[in-house]
């Protein structure tokens, strides 16, 4: 009997093929006691396993660099940093000495503690790094036990759809598109390293499947949509036919938008739109400039810290910021200051755990509480501004006092640089993010002190609707186009326009073609998004007229529910750019999230017969 599973589509493509379960066996760790005189020998074994792991990761990094480029190889720089973390080795060594246990047991127990601590963090990105920690930990354990740490699917015949509880990045990097038509996992998210590698390899993928994967057996026929996240188990002939038709349409659409990649980003009636990218590391910024010829609308500086074993000093930060500014010049880069809370920062800070980190010491609040760290970062960014078009943005401003305090610290740093004759751009633009309703309602006062606003809709939506976007039980309440959210966004845009300032958006909403016309119609003409979303949004911009988008906003402001707005947006997109909607989807629920092309982002147009990717 056919059934349907639903997950998060992270790499677009339509695939029909047979399932192959990946053996996610974990190392069986011996739990033995040792004598005190054996401790040194166990520590030597730990050092040897870590050294071998480093060598393996270096080889893997070089392999990924050759096949996918520097930006994707940098994923495994983070793995190297985990191995180099002195806190990790210190805790394993202490466990061996105090518990008088074998190194395998100590390693397993300490890594379990690390993962338990990370699992409590209310930050999606940091929780995703659990996979990286487990991946590195499994590698160390395998090397201690003399087991090959890389377990890739093994089969003969046609490419298969790989099914697993999870696929660590080190395995994902070795997947062969000629053998793996797609993959499905019970865990994961859109921004996990495994998802990033799937898109780079053009392997359609669905992660975080809500239903049990136990209905899938080895050899089961599956029809997978890597954009919407829908998986048909034992598809009917009708579903197979629909997938084939949609596959042909997607291939034609992708060919068309790629041919337009060098065309101006403007509407049919001549309004220019700036598309820029969200990135996390300098190497990503360099790749975006080369591949997409756009600037950086959001550089998440905290991820340079997260990947490191200790706080980055000023010089190291300066080098990274300078390299980024030079790489994207003459286009601009917006460096967002640390957007992270004390409970989810480096362990050396020893900050207490908070019961509700979403409402606690995070973002600008953390920076203002640790002015020493804040000033070092601001000095590094200001110094880098002498080498390119740099802007600074403060995250999660809630009050005018917070903004003024941040600007005071910035002025103090500028004065210090002037006194020491250190060059920086005196005319550097400074902005703040609008992520909480209080800031949106106070926009008239805040705009007097900054050069621009950036709407962080991910947080704005969850704070406005009191709906944790990571909680599946209330996912139905997380509605980016709820009328209350639209009204706040329109108010912020109107305030900027009235004061001669500009406003952008860097939340996930910007990457969704279904919502982009609404955003543009509000007067928000800089959209920052994941690089893989740039091509579909570029196509959309070039397919609409601004006055029609403005009319869409006027109608949306009269709505009383997100469902009403959703229908308006869908009707608009169906008329202006129907390629981004797939109305013949056999599973009507899969279209509830909007345009399939947006959800999957890279729209690689995988073959419906599960042939190797082109």
Protein backbone atom coordinates (compact mmCIF):
# COMPACT_ATOMS: atom_id res chain seq x y z
CA UNK A 1 0.00 0.00 0.00
CA UNK A 2 1.53 3.36 -1.00
CA UNK A 3 2.32 5.79 1.80
CA UNK A 4 3.73 9.30 2.00
CA UNK A 5 6.48 10.62 4.25
CA UNK A 6 7.26 14.29 4.88
CA UNK A 7 10.59 15.89 5.76
CA UNK A 8 12.69 18.94 5.01
CA UNK A 9 13.80 19.21 1.40
CA UNK A 10 17.42 20.40 1.40
CA UNK A 11 18.61 19.60 -2.13
CA UNK A 12 16.12 19.81 -4.99
CA UNK A 13 15.47 17.16 -7.56
CA UNK A 14 12.90 14.53 -8.52
CA UNK A 15 14.07 10.95 -8.20
CA UNK A 16 12.43 7.55 -8.52
CA UNK A 17 14.57 4.64 -7.38
CA UNK A 18 15.01 1.75 -4.98
CA UNK A 19 15.97 2.21 -1.34
CA UNK A 20 19.29 1.17 0.16
CA UNK A 21 19.75 1.39 3.92
CA UNK A 22 23.11 2.71 5.04
CA UNK A 23 24.56 0.73 7.92
CA UNK A 24 24.98 3.39 10.60
CA UNK A 25 26.68 1.04 12.99
CA UNK A 26 28.56 2.71 15.79
CA UNK A 27 31.79 1.43 17.22
CA UNK A 28 31.28 -1.06 20.02
CA UNK A 29 33.49 0.39 22.74
CA UNK A 30 35.11 -1.92 25.30
CA UNK A 31 34.58 -0.70 28.84
CA UNK A 32 37.56 -1.91 30.81
CA UNK A 33 39.42 -0.82 33.92
CA UNK A 34 43.15 -0.11 33.87
CA UNK A 35 45.86 0.21 36.47
CA UNK A 36 47.40 3.56 37.38
CA UNK A 37 50.66 2.59 35.67
CA UNK A 38 48.74 2.16 32.36
CA UNK A 39 47.45 5.75 32.20
CA UNK A 40 50.40 7.10 30.22
CA UNK A 41 50.08 4.34 27.66
CA UNK A 42 46.40 5.11 27.19
CA UNK A 43 47.18 8.81 26.72
CA UNK A 44 49.74 7.89 24.08
CA UNK A 45 47.08 5.82 22.30
CA UNK A 46 44.77 8.85 22.39
CA UNK A 47 47.46 11.08 20.86
CA UNK A 48 48.15 8.52 18.14
CA UNK A 49 44.44 8.17 17.26
CA UNK A 50 44.02 11.94 17.12
CA UNK A 51 47.09 12.32 14.91
CA UNK A 52 45.81 9.64 12.53
CA UNK A 53 42.41 11.35 12.50
CA UNK A 54 44.09 14.64 11.54
CA UNK A 55 45.89 12.95 8.66
CA UNK A 56 42.64 11.41 7.43
CA UNK A 57 40.80 14.72 7.65
CA UNK A 58 43.59 16.47 5.75
CA UNK A 59 43.31 13.90 2.98
CA UNK A 60 39.52 14.24 2.96
CA UNK A 61 39.80 18.02 2.85
CA UNK A 62 42.15 17.88 -0.14
CA UNK A 63 39.82 15.46 -1.92
CA UNK A 64 36.79 17.72 -1.34
CA UNK A 65 38.81 20.77 -2.41
CA UNK A 66 39.67 19.12 -5.72
CA UNK A 67 36.09 18.04 -6.43
CA UNK A 68 33.96 20.80 -4.86
CA UNK A 69 36.29 23.72 -4.12
CA UNK A 70 37.67 25.55 -1.10
CA UNK A 71 34.35 26.62 0.34
CA UNK A 72 33.11 23.07 0.88
CA UNK A 73 36.52 21.81 1.93
CA UNK A 74 36.39 24.39 4.74
CA UNK A 75 33.70 22.28 6.42
CA UNK A 76 36.43 19.94 7.55
CA UNK A 77 38.50 22.79 8.94
CA UNK A 78 35.90 22.82 11.68
CA UNK A 79 36.51 19.10 12.23
CA UNK A 80 40.21 19.81 12.57
CA UNK A 81 39.43 22.49 15.16
CA UNK A 82 37.37 20.02 17.16
CA UNK A 83 40.35 17.67 17.20
CA UNK A 84 42.63 20.53 18.26
CA UNK A 85 40.36 21.69 21.07
CA UNK A 86 42.53 21.47 24.22
CA UNK A 87 39.41 21.24 26.38
CA UNK A 88 38.40 18.00 24.66
CA UNK A 89 41.74 16.29 25.25
CA UNK A 90 41.91 17.65 28.80
CA UNK A 91 38.55 16.14 29.67
CA UNK A 92 39.37 12.78 28.09
CA UNK A 93 42.70 12.66 29.94
CA UNK A 94 41.01 13.55 33.23
CA UNK A 95 38.46 10.80 32.71
CA UNK A 96 41.20 8.22 32.11
CA UNK A 97 43.08 9.31 35.23
CA UNK A 98 40.09 9.67 37.54
CA UNK A 99 38.05 6.68 36.40
CA UNK A 100 41.04 4.47 35.53
CA UNK A 101 39.28 3.39 32.37
CA UNK A 102 40.48 2.61 28.87
CA UNK A 103 40.88 5.47 26.41
CA UNK A 104 37.98 4.21 24.26
CA UNK A 105 35.57 4.39 27.20
CA UNK A 106 36.86 7.81 28.25
CA UNK A 107 36.55 9.14 24.73
CA UNK A 108 33.00 7.84 24.35
CA UNK A 109 31.87 9.22 27.73
CA UNK A 110 33.39 12.68 27.26
CA UNK A 111 32.00 13.02 23.74
CA UNK A 112 28.58 12.01 25.08
CA UNK A 113 28.87 14.79 27.68
CA UNK A 114 29.86 17.31 24.99
CA UNK A 115 26.88 16.30 22.85
CA UNK A 116 24.49 16.44 25.79
CA UNK A 117 25.65 19.98 26.53
CA UNK A 118 25.26 21.03 22.90
CA UNK A 119 21.78 19.46 22.70
CA UNK A 120 20.57 21.89 25.36
CA UNK A 121 21.51 24.92 23.26
CA UNK A 122 18.58 26.85 21.82
CA UNK A 123 20.42 27.79 18.66
CA UNK A 124 19.72 25.81 15.51
CA UNK A 125 23.15 26.27 13.96
CA UNK A 126 24.99 25.19 17.08
CA UNK A 127 22.76 22.17 17.57
CA UNK A 128 23.62 21.16 14.03
CA UNK A 129 27.29 21.08 15.00
CA UNK A 130 26.41 18.05 17.12
CA UNK A 131 26.69 16.02 13.93
CA UNK A 132 30.24 17.31 13.39
CA UNK A 133 31.27 16.49 16.96
CA UNK A 134 29.81 12.99 16.67
CA UNK A 135 31.52 12.56 13.30
CA UNK A 136 34.92 13.49 14.74
CA UNK A 137 34.33 11.40 17.85
CA UNK A 138 33.37 8.36 15.79
CA UNK A 139 36.54 8.82 13.73
CA UNK A 140 38.73 8.87 16.84
CA UNK A 141 37.01 5.78 18.25
CA UNK A 142 37.31 3.90 14.96
CA UNK A 143 41.02 4.69 14.81
CA UNK A 144 41.47 3.51 18.40
CA UNK A 145 39.74 0.25 17.48
CA UNK A 146 41.42 -0.17 14.08
CA UNK A 147 38.16 0.23 12.11
CA UNK A 148 37.76 2.14 8.85
CA UNK A 149 35.92 5.34 9.89
CA UNK A 150 34.44 5.94 6.41
CA UNK A 151 31.33 3.83 5.76
CA UNK A 152 29.90 4.56 2.32
CA UNK A 153 27.01 2.76 0.59
CA UNK A 154 28.07 -0.38 -1.23
CA UNK A 155 25.89 -1.83 -4.00
CA UNK A 156 25.89 -2.77 -7.65
CA UNK A 157 23.46 -1.91 -10.40
CA UNK A 158 21.42 1.27 -10.76
CA UNK A 159 21.89 4.28 -8.44
CA UNK A 160 19.94 3.93 -5.20
CA UNK A 161 18.16 6.23 -2.79
CA UNK A 162 20.19 5.89 0.40
CA UNK A 163 18.23 5.81 3.66
CA UNK A 164 19.80 6.35 7.11
CA UNK A 165 19.11 7.69 10.56
CA UNK A 166 21.80 10.26 9.81
CA UNK A 167 24.71 10.71 7.42
CA UNK A 168 27.76 12.46 8.88
CA UNK A 169 29.62 15.04 6.74
CA UNK A 170 32.65 12.77 6.29
CA UNK A 171 30.40 10.15 4.65
CA UNK A 172 28.37 12.71 2.69
CA UNK A 173 31.57 14.10 1.16
CA UNK A 174 32.38 10.65 -0.25
CA UNK A 175 28.96 9.95 -1.79
CA UNK A 176 29.23 9.23 -5.50
CA UNK A 177 26.37 10.78 -7.53
CA UNK A 178 26.80 7.98 -10.05
CA UNK A 179 25.89 5.45 -7.33
CA UNK A 180 23.66 7.52 -5.03
CA UNK A 181 20.57 9.00 -6.70
CA UNK A 182 19.35 10.71 -3.52
CA UNK A 183 19.34 10.26 0.24
CA UNK A 184 16.87 10.40 3.11
CA UNK A 185 17.66 10.82 6.82
CA UNK A 186 15.60 10.91 10.00
CA UNK A 187 17.65 13.80 11.41
CA UNK A 188 19.34 16.90 10.02
CA UNK A 189 18.38 20.36 8.75
CA UNK A 190 18.74 22.67 5.76
CA UNK A 191 21.94 24.30 7.02
CA UNK A 192 23.72 21.18 8.25
CA UNK A 193 27.04 20.39 6.63
CA UNK A 194 25.56 17.18 5.21
CA UNK A 195 22.83 19.21 3.48
CA UNK A 196 25.39 21.71 2.16
CA UNK A 197 27.44 18.87 0.67
CA UNK A 198 24.33 17.29 -0.87
CA UNK A 199 23.61 20.51 -2.75
CA UNK A 200 27.24 20.81 -3.83
CA UNK A 201 27.19 17.25 -5.16
CA UNK A 202 23.78 17.77 -6.84
CA UNK A 203 22.36 14.85 -4.88
CA UNK A 204 18.68 15.40 -4.03
CA UNK A 205 18.05 14.97 -0.32
CA UNK A 206 15.31 15.03 2.30
CA UNK A 207 16.21 15.21 5.99
CA UNK A 208 14.36 15.37 9.32
CA UNK A 209 11.60 13.03 8.13
CA UNK A 210 8.73 13.37 10.58
CA UNK A 211 7.33 9.87 10.19
CA UNK A 212 9.16 6.64 10.97
CA UNK A 213 11.49 5.39 8.24
CA UNK A 214 10.70 1.82 9.25
CA UNK A 215 8.15 1.58 6.41
CA UNK A 216 11.08 1.63 3.99
CA UNK A 217 12.86 -1.65 3.36
CA UNK A 218 15.90 -2.37 1.21
CA UNK A 219 14.72 -2.40 -2.38
CA UNK A 220 11.48 -0.48 -1.75
CA UNK A 221 10.58 1.79 -4.68
CA UNK A 222 10.56 5.47 -3.66
CA UNK A 223 9.57 8.69 -5.42
CA UNK A 224 11.42 11.58 -3.75
CA UNK A 225 10.99 15.33 -4.17
CA UNK A 226 14.11 16.97 -2.78
CA UNK A 227 12.48 20.41 -2.92
CA UNK A 228 9.20 19.90 -1.07
CA UNK A 229 10.52 17.13 1.18
CA UNK A 230 7.80 14.66 0.14
CA UNK A 231 8.64 10.96 -0.26
CA UNK A 232 6.19 8.51 -1.82
CA UNK A 233 6.81 4.95 -0.61
CA UNK A 234 5.68 2.46 -3.24
CA UNK A 235 4.45 5.17 -5.66
CA UNK A 236 1.54 4.52 -8.01
CA UNK A 237 1.95 4.72 -11.75
CA UNK A 238 0.12 8.05 -11.68
CA UNK A 239 2.66 9.53 -9.26
CA UNK A 240 5.53 8.22 -11.37
CA UNK A 241 4.04 9.85 -14.48
CA UNK A 242 3.61 13.18 -12.67
CA UNK A 243 7.22 13.07 -11.45
CA UNK A 244 8.45 12.53 -15.01
CA UNK A 245 6.43 15.48 -16.33
CA UNK A 246 7.65 17.73 -13.54
CA UNK A 247 11.22 16.62 -14.12
CA UNK A 248 11.08 17.75 -17.75
CA UNK A 249 9.64 21.11 -16.69
CA UNK A 250 12.31 21.64 -14.04
CA UNK A 251 15.12 20.86 -16.45
CA UNK A 252 13.79 23.40 -18.95
CA UNK A 253 13.32 25.98 -16.20
CA UNK A 254 16.82 25.49 -14.79
CA UNK A 255 18.36 25.82 -18.23
CA UNK A 256 16.52 29.10 -18.73
CA UNK A 257 17.47 30.75 -15.43
CA UNK A 258 21.11 29.75 -15.82
CA UNK A 259 21.16 31.44 -19.23
CA UNK A 260 19.97 34.65 -17.55
CA UNK A 261 22.61 34.70 -14.80
CA UNK A 262 24.36 37.78 -16.23
CA UNK A 263 21.19 39.76 -16.91
CA UNK A 264 20.35 42.86 -14.81
CA UNK A 265 18.44 42.16 -11.60
CA UNK A 266 15.44 44.36 -12.26
CA UNK A 267 11.69 44.08 -12.62
CA UNK A 268 9.86 44.24 -15.92
CA UNK A 269 9.05 47.89 -15.24
CA UNK A 270 12.66 48.81 -14.54
CA UNK A 271 13.02 48.75 -10.76
CA UNK A 272 16.47 47.54 -9.74
CA UNK A 273 16.77 45.01 -6.92
CA UNK A 274 19.91 44.11 -5.00
CA UNK A 275 20.39 40.40 -4.35
CA UNK A 276 23.15 39.62 -1.87
CA UNK A 277 24.24 36.55 0.04
CA UNK A 278 24.28 35.26 3.61
CA UNK A 279 27.64 33.64 4.45
CA UNK A 280 29.48 32.33 7.47
CA UNK A 281 33.16 32.19 6.55
CA UNK A 282 35.60 34.23 4.40
CA UNK A 283 36.02 31.43 1.90
CA UNK A 284 32.25 31.39 1.28
CA UNK A 285 32.28 35.13 0.58
CA UNK A 286 35.06 34.69 -1.97
CA UNK A 287 33.14 31.91 -3.70
CA UNK A 288 29.93 33.97 -3.82
CA UNK A 289 31.73 36.89 -5.45
CA UNK A 290 33.32 34.68 -8.09
CA UNK A 291 30.30 32.50 -8.84
CA UNK A 292 27.35 34.86 -8.46
CA UNK A 293 28.90 38.35 -8.70
CA UNK A 294 26.94 39.66 -5.70
CA UNK A 295 27.92 41.25 -2.42
CA UNK A 296 27.41 39.99 1.13
CA UNK A 297 24.26 41.14 2.91
CA UNK A 298 24.96 39.17 6.08
CA UNK A 299 28.32 37.87 7.25
CA UNK A 300 27.64 35.86 10.41
CA UNK A 301 30.88 36.58 12.28
CA UNK A 302 30.08 34.27 15.20
CA UNK A 303 30.73 31.17 13.15
CA UNK A 304 34.44 31.97 12.88
CA UNK A 305 34.48 31.81 16.69
CA UNK A 306 32.39 28.66 16.93
CA UNK A 307 34.74 26.73 14.65
CA UNK A 308 37.75 27.73 16.73
CA UNK A 309 39.07 26.31 19.96
CA UNK A 310 39.44 29.71 21.63
CA UNK A 311 38.51 33.36 21.27
CA UNK A 312 39.91 34.88 18.09
CA UNK A 313 42.32 37.72 18.73
CA UNK A 314 42.09 41.04 16.91
CA UNK A 315 44.74 40.24 14.33
CA UNK A 316 43.15 36.95 13.29
CA UNK A 317 39.74 38.60 12.99
CA UNK A 318 41.20 41.52 11.05
CA UNK A 319 42.82 39.21 8.51
CA UNK A 320 39.55 37.34 7.90
CA UNK A 321 37.50 40.53 7.63
CA UNK A 322 40.09 42.20 5.39
CA UNK A 323 40.31 39.19 3.07
CA UNK A 324 36.53 39.13 2.79
CA UNK A 325 36.28 42.85 2.05
CA UNK A 326 38.97 42.60 -0.63
CA UNK A 327 37.37 39.53 -2.18
CA UNK A 328 33.97 41.15 -2.74
CA UNK A 329 35.17 44.69 -3.61
CA UNK A 330 33.82 46.88 -5.21
CA UNK A 331 30.68 45.27 -3.83
CA UNK A 332 29.92 45.59 -0.14
CA UNK A 333 29.94 43.26 2.84
CA UNK A 334 27.86 43.69 6.01
CA UNK A 335 29.56 42.24 9.08
CA UNK A 336 27.04 41.44 11.78
CA UNK A 337 28.62 41.62 15.22
CA UNK A 338 28.46 38.52 17.40
CA UNK A 339 24.94 37.11 17.40
CA UNK A 340 25.34 34.50 20.07
CA UNK A 341 24.45 34.00 23.71
CA UNK A 342 26.60 33.31 26.74
CA UNK A 343 25.10 29.84 27.11
CA UNK A 344 26.16 28.88 23.63
CA UNK A 345 29.58 30.41 23.32
CA UNK A 346 33.04 29.06 23.95
CA UNK A 347 33.36 26.89 27.03
CA UNK A 348 36.21 29.04 28.35
CA UNK A 349 33.77 31.87 29.07
CA UNK A 350 32.07 29.70 31.69
CA UNK A 351 28.72 31.45 31.32
CA UNK A 352 25.79 29.97 33.27
CA UNK A 353 23.04 28.04 31.47
CA UNK A 354 19.84 30.02 30.94
CA UNK A 355 16.32 28.61 31.22
CA UNK A 356 15.17 30.60 28.19
CA UNK A 357 18.13 31.64 26.02
CA UNK A 358 15.80 33.02 23.32
CA UNK A 359 14.89 35.75 25.82
CA UNK A 360 18.24 35.91 27.57
CA UNK A 361 21.83 37.09 27.25
CA UNK A 362 22.33 36.92 23.51
CA UNK A 363 23.42 39.00 20.51
CA UNK A 364 23.95 42.71 21.33
CA UNK A 365 23.13 42.03 24.98
CA UNK A 366 26.07 39.67 25.22
CA UNK A 367 28.38 42.11 23.43
CA UNK A 368 27.42 44.98 25.74
CA UNK A 369 27.99 42.75 28.76
CA UNK A 370 31.45 41.79 27.46
CA UNK A 371 32.70 45.09 26.06
CA UNK A 372 36.25 43.70 26.02
CA UNK A 373 35.24 41.11 23.39
CA UNK A 374 33.01 43.61 21.60
CA UNK A 375 35.77 46.22 21.23
CA UNK A 376 38.23 43.69 19.82
CA UNK A 377 35.74 42.72 17.15
CA UNK A 378 34.85 46.31 16.29
CA UNK A 379 38.55 47.25 16.01
CA UNK A 380 39.13 44.38 13.61
CA UNK A 381 36.11 45.28 11.44
CA UNK A 382 37.00 48.97 11.36
CA UNK A 383 40.58 48.21 10.36
CA UNK A 384 39.28 45.97 7.57
CA UNK A 385 37.07 48.83 6.31
CA UNK A 386 40.21 50.48 4.91
CA UNK A 387 40.44 47.62 2.39
CA UNK A 388 36.93 47.47 0.95
CA UNK A 389 33.31 48.52 1.22
CA UNK A 390 32.49 47.41 4.75
CA UNK A 391 29.35 47.96 6.80
CA UNK A 392 28.64 47.05 10.43
CA UNK A 393 25.32 45.75 11.73
CA UNK A 394 24.21 45.21 15.34
CA UNK A 395 21.92 42.21 15.97
CA UNK A 396 18.76 41.98 18.08
CA UNK A 397 18.38 45.62 19.09
CA UNK A 398 15.38 45.87 21.44
CA UNK A 399 15.65 49.41 22.83
CA UNK A 400 17.02 52.80 21.88
CA UNK A 401 19.33 52.63 24.91
CA UNK A 402 20.93 49.43 23.56
CA UNK A 403 21.56 51.00 20.18
CA UNK A 404 23.04 54.13 21.73
CA UNK A 405 25.31 52.08 24.00
CA UNK A 406 26.56 50.06 21.02
CA UNK A 407 27.23 53.22 19.05
CA UNK A 408 29.07 54.72 22.02
CA UNK A 409 31.37 51.70 22.17
CA UNK A 410 31.91 52.00 18.40
CA UNK A 411 32.83 55.69 18.78
CA UNK A 412 35.30 54.84 21.56
CA UNK A 413 37.00 52.31 19.29
CA UNK A 414 37.11 54.82 16.43
CA UNK A 415 38.70 57.43 18.69
CA UNK A 416 41.32 54.95 19.82
CA UNK A 417 42.18 54.05 16.21
CA UNK A 418 42.44 57.73 15.31
CA UNK A 419 44.72 58.38 18.28
CA UNK A 420 47.00 55.57 17.13
CA UNK A 421 46.80 56.67 13.48
CA UNK A 422 45.29 53.33 12.39
CA UNK A 423 43.42 53.84 9.10
CA UNK A 424 39.74 52.97 8.72
CA UNK A 425 36.78 54.23 6.69
CA UNK A 426 35.40 57.27 8.53
CA UNK A 427 32.20 57.11 6.43
CA UNK A 428 31.46 53.45 7.13
CA UNK A 429 27.72 52.68 7.25
CA UNK A 430 26.28 51.35 10.49
CA UNK A 431 22.93 49.59 10.75
CA UNK A 432 20.91 47.40 13.06
CA UNK A 433 18.70 44.37 12.69
CA UNK A 434 14.98 44.57 13.32
CA UNK A 435 14.23 41.20 14.89
CA UNK A 436 11.85 41.95 17.76
CA UNK A 437 8.46 43.71 17.69
CA UNK A 438 9.73 46.40 20.08
CA UNK A 439 12.34 47.49 17.55
CA UNK A 440 9.83 47.47 14.69
CA UNK A 441 7.44 49.68 16.66
CA UNK A 442 10.30 51.99 17.64
CA UNK A 443 11.65 52.25 14.11
CA UNK A 444 11.05 56.02 13.87
CA UNK A 445 13.45 56.64 16.76
CA UNK A 446 16.04 54.01 15.89
CA UNK A 447 16.41 55.13 12.27
CA UNK A 448 17.68 58.53 13.46
CA UNK A 449 20.89 56.86 14.67
CA UNK A 450 21.76 54.40 11.88
CA UNK A 451 22.23 54.32 8.12
CA UNK A 452 20.09 51.24 7.41
CA UNK A 453 17.89 48.49 8.82
CA UNK A 454 17.97 44.77 8.06
CA UNK A 455 14.86 42.73 8.82
CA UNK A 456 15.73 39.45 10.52
CA UNK A 457 12.42 37.75 9.86
CA UNK A 458 13.36 34.39 11.38
CA UNK A 459 13.31 35.87 14.88
CA UNK A 460 10.77 38.59 14.12
CA UNK A 461 8.18 35.95 13.24
CA UNK A 462 8.78 33.75 16.26
CA UNK A 463 8.85 36.66 18.71
CA UNK A 464 5.73 38.23 17.19
CA UNK A 465 3.69 35.02 17.24
CA UNK A 466 5.28 33.49 20.38
CA UNK A 467 6.08 30.42 18.28
CA UNK A 468 9.43 28.65 18.61
CA UNK A 469 10.34 27.86 15.01
CA UNK A 470 12.35 24.81 16.10
CA UNK A 471 9.41 23.23 17.94
CA UNK A 472 7.54 20.84 15.59
CA UNK A 473 4.48 20.76 17.88
CA UNK A 474 3.70 24.40 17.15
CA UNK A 475 5.18 24.66 13.67
CA UNK A 476 1.74 25.60 12.36
CA UNK A 477 1.99 28.89 14.30
CA UNK A 478 5.26 29.93 12.68
CA UNK A 479 3.76 31.97 9.82
CA UNK A 480 6.14 34.42 8.06
CA UNK A 481 3.24 36.02 6.18
CA UNK A 482 0.93 36.45 9.15
CA UNK A 483 -0.81 39.83 8.69
CA UNK A 484 0.74 41.16 11.91
CA UNK A 485 4.23 40.40 10.63
CA UNK A 486 3.49 41.97 7.24
CA UNK A 487 2.22 45.13 8.90
CA UNK A 488 5.38 45.43 11.01
CA UNK A 489 7.61 44.90 8.00
CA UNK A 490 5.68 47.47 5.95
CA UNK A 491 5.90 49.95 8.81
CA UNK A 492 9.67 49.53 9.04
CA UNK A 493 10.06 49.95 5.27
CA UNK A 494 7.88 53.09 5.28
CA UNK A 495 9.94 54.60 8.13
CA UNK A 496 13.17 54.04 6.21
CA UNK A 497 11.73 55.53 3.04
CA UNK A 498 10.45 58.61 4.90
CA UNK A 499 13.92 59.19 6.40
CA UNK A 500 15.91 58.64 3.22
CA UNK A 501 17.43 55.40 4.52
CA UNK A 502 17.37 51.90 3.06
CA UNK A 503 16.15 48.60 4.43
CA UNK A 504 17.05 45.02 3.54
CA UNK A 505 15.96 41.59 4.64
CA UNK A 506 18.22 38.69 5.59
CA UNK A 507 15.77 36.13 6.99
CA UNK A 508 14.80 32.90 5.25
CA UNK A 509 11.70 34.63 3.93
CA UNK A 510 13.90 36.44 1.38
CA UNK A 511 14.80 33.14 -0.31
CA UNK A 512 11.20 32.03 -0.85
CA UNK A 513 9.84 32.97 -4.32
CA UNK A 514 6.30 32.75 -2.99
CA UNK A 515 6.98 35.63 -0.58
CA UNK A 516 9.55 37.67 -2.52
CA UNK A 517 6.94 39.74 -4.46
CA UNK A 518 5.38 40.71 -1.14
CA UNK A 519 8.78 41.81 0.19
CA UNK A 520 9.58 43.85 -2.91
CA UNK A 521 6.14 45.45 -2.90
CA UNK A 522 6.77 46.75 0.62
CA UNK A 523 9.72 48.77 -0.63
CA UNK A 524 12.41 46.35 0.55
CA UNK A 525 14.77 46.13 -2.39
CA UNK A 526 17.82 44.37 -0.92
CA UNK A 527 17.27 40.67 -0.32
CA UNK A 528 20.02 38.63 1.33
CA UNK A 529 19.85 34.85 1.17
CA UNK A 530 21.72 31.59 0.91
CA UNK A 531 23.79 31.64 -2.31
CA UNK A 532 21.95 28.67 -3.82
CA UNK A 533 18.68 30.65 -3.69
CA UNK A 534 20.01 33.51 -5.83
CA UNK A 535 19.15 32.05 -9.25
CA UNK A 536 15.43 31.36 -8.58
CA UNK A 537 14.92 34.76 -6.92
CA UNK A 538 16.74 36.50 -9.79
CA UNK A 539 14.36 34.78 -12.20
CA UNK A 540 11.38 35.90 -10.13
CA UNK A 541 12.48 39.54 -9.96
CA UNK A 542 12.84 39.63 -13.74
CA UNK A 543 9.31 38.22 -14.14
CA UNK A 544 7.23 40.72 -12.15
CA UNK A 545 6.20 44.37 -12.25
CA UNK A 546 6.74 46.49 -9.18
CA UNK A 547 3.34 48.19 -9.29
CA UNK A 548 1.70 44.76 -9.25
CA UNK A 549 3.82 43.74 -6.25
CA UNK A 550 2.73 46.94 -4.47
CA UNK A 551 -0.89 46.10 -5.21
CA UNK A 552 -0.30 42.64 -3.74
CA UNK A 553 0.90 44.24 -0.50
CA UNK A 554 -2.16 46.49 -0.35
CA UNK A 555 -4.42 43.44 -0.59
CA UNK A 556 -2.35 41.48 1.95
CA UNK A 557 -2.65 44.29 4.49
CA UNK A 558 -6.42 43.81 4.40
CA UNK A 559 -6.20 40.10 5.20
CA UNK A 560 -6.92 38.60 8.59
CA UNK A 561 -4.99 35.33 8.34
CA UNK A 562 -1.81 33.87 6.91
CA UNK A 563 -3.91 31.52 4.79
CA UNK A 564 -5.52 34.44 2.99
CA UNK A 565 -2.12 36.01 2.31
CA UNK A 566 -0.75 32.64 1.17
CA UNK A 567 -3.50 32.36 -1.44
CA UNK A 568 -2.83 35.89 -2.70
CA UNK A 569 0.89 35.13 -3.04
CA UNK A 570 0.26 31.82 -4.77
CA UNK A 571 -2.16 33.39 -7.26
CA UNK A 572 0.35 36.17 -7.93
CA UNK A 573 3.21 33.73 -8.55
CA UNK A 574 1.05 31.48 -10.70
CA UNK A 575 0.34 34.46 -12.94
CA UNK A 576 3.80 36.06 -13.03
CA UNK A 577 6.22 33.13 -12.80
CA UNK A 578 4.38 29.77 -12.90
CA UNK A 579 7.67 27.91 -13.39
CA UNK A 580 8.22 28.28 -9.64
CA UNK A 581 4.99 26.42 -8.85
CA UNK A 582 4.32 22.79 -9.60
CA UNK A 583 0.56 22.52 -9.50
CA UNK A 584 0.48 18.91 -10.68
CA UNK A 585 2.12 17.67 -7.49
CA UNK A 586 0.22 14.47 -6.60
CA UNK A 587 0.54 15.21 -2.90
CA UNK A 588 -1.33 18.46 -2.28
CA UNK A 589 0.18 18.90 1.16
CA UNK A 590 3.65 19.24 -0.32
CA UNK A 591 2.77 22.54 -1.92
CA UNK A 592 1.71 24.11 1.35
CA UNK A 593 5.20 25.39 1.98
CA UNK A 594 5.31 27.39 -1.20
CA UNK A 595 7.30 27.06 -4.39
CA UNK A 596 9.22 23.84 -4.71
CA UNK A 597 12.09 25.59 -6.42
CA UNK A 598 12.56 27.79 -3.40
CA UNK A 599 12.45 25.02 -0.88
CA UNK A 600 15.12 23.03 -2.63
CA UNK A 601 17.14 25.99 -3.82
CA UNK A 602 19.49 24.36 -6.30
CA UNK A 603 16.80 22.75 -8.48
CA UNK A 604 19.21 20.37 -10.12
CA UNK A 605 16.46 18.58 -12.02
CA UNK A 606 17.41 15.04 -11.10
CA UNK A 607 16.26 12.32 -13.42
CA UNK A 608 12.96 10.74 -12.49
CA UNK A 609 14.43 7.37 -13.42
CA UNK A 610 17.29 7.75 -10.95
CA UNK A 611 20.00 8.00 -13.57
CA UNK A 612 23.31 9.69 -12.68
CA UNK A 613 23.10 13.45 -12.19
CA UNK A 614 24.16 15.73 -15.02
